[in-house]
Amino acid sequence: MAQGDSVQKDLLERAAAVIPGGMYGHQSVGRLPDGYPQFFSRAEGARIWDADGKPYLDYMCGYGPNLLGYGHPGINAAFVKQLEVADTLTGPTARMVEYAEAFVGMVSHAAWAMFCKNGTDATSMAMMTARAHTGRRKLILAKGAYHGAAPWCTPQRTGTTPSDREHQIFCVYNDIDSLNAAAAQAGDDLAAIFAAPIKHDAFVDQSDPDLAYARRAREICDQTGAVLIVDDVRAGFRLARDCSWSAIGVQPDLSSWGKCIANGHPISALLGAEHLRKAAAGIYVTGSYWYQAAPMAAGIETLRLIRETDYLEHTVRLGQRLRDGLAERADAAGFGFRQTGPVQMPLFLFDDDRDQRFGFAWCSHMLDQGVYMHPWHNMFLCAAMTDADIDLTLDAAERAFTRLRKEAPTLGPVPKMQFLVA
């Protein structure tokens, strides 16, 4: 490649020839501002480097897997040590039992654990276990909630059929009347209520679970024999060292986990209460790589660090500093800038910005300064971030708000976001 050419541009052109759409799934930059890098070359701590070598302070954390820092030396050492002995075998190693024991010892409602690879695997296993246990079909889900990319739950329905979503009933998150109506519609065929630990839908403000809503979901399941499932794939261990709803005193029957449970090494999990053990043992689920020992070794070390370090308190403290500082700078620049969700899982949206023209411009200005943020998806703080990183972010934000103030009158609609206002 000639000097001055872009590795990123070359990779995009090559990908377009051999990968449908050039990229797919949630890590495609197709709906992000122009100029966001698609390909990266390395990562360390709280930073990632794009294919051209430019570093970014990464507030996406790989869309959640980076909890304790990219390339964490202790976790990677555990992974490599196990990899050198055995990984993908004809059957699992002792690491599977040890990992399950560690999970069951940490999560209050759990009496057993099963492991898979993706969050979608875990939520699908939860659905199957609930139906096996109850012999029923109906599922209650909150409108707009994300539970994976299988045909039964994918937000993009291309390639699916209406029957894939048959027996699903939707309610409004935190709306008890809506939840009651959904339960009444399900009648005696209710198998499960799926609940996100917080409302973390894309494009809208996040919100904590209302305690009365969570308790009502638990009550409906107790009264009907249905299964309460908390989908903790995204928020697990970011809000508590237990299932996220343990913090509000509501225990599910099943919980699905993924993303950060091995600090980015590929593994996810389904945890369940004792009364669902037989049903879980009866479903048929498997995968050639589900029993890999090296990710489990990384997971065991990750859980140890979750138990023994102040990672959670650290990310909450830094998140509050970030929230306070951004609020001050946005207010000084005259912007309505909404920050919702837990401070360690923030979402930023501008007032009166349905088509994302402000959000896109502001995030582009942050990216130009080496801070990777997302205009419409929740973000994450990781334990490798420091006070200096927050200072860097706030300085960049002040410059981004100033620049946005000057160009705001001339900004036009964002074509790729017009579906939001159609």
Foldseek 3Di string as FASTA:
>chain_A
DDPPDDPQVVLQVVLVVPPPVSDDDPLDCPLAFPPDGSAWDDFWFQWTAGPRGFIFREQCLVVAQAFAIPPDPVLVVLLVVVVVVFWQDPFFDCLVVLLQVLQQVFAPQFPTKAKFFDQLLQVVLVQQLLCLLLVAQAEEEEPQDARDPDCCGRPDNVPHDPVSVPRYDYFHAQDQVRVVVSLVVCDLRAREYEAEQWQFGWQDFIGGHDLVNLVSRLVSCVVNVHFYEYECARPPLLCDSYRSCVVSPHDTQKYKYHRHLLSHDGMIMMGGHPSSVVSSVPDDDDDSRRRTNSSSSSNSVSNVCSVPDPWNVQLQVLLVLLVVLLVVLCVVLPWQWDWHDRSQWTAIETPPQQLCQLLSQLQVQSVVLRYHDGSIGTTGDHSSDDPVNSVSSSVSNNVSSVVCSVCVVPTDGDVSRCVSVD
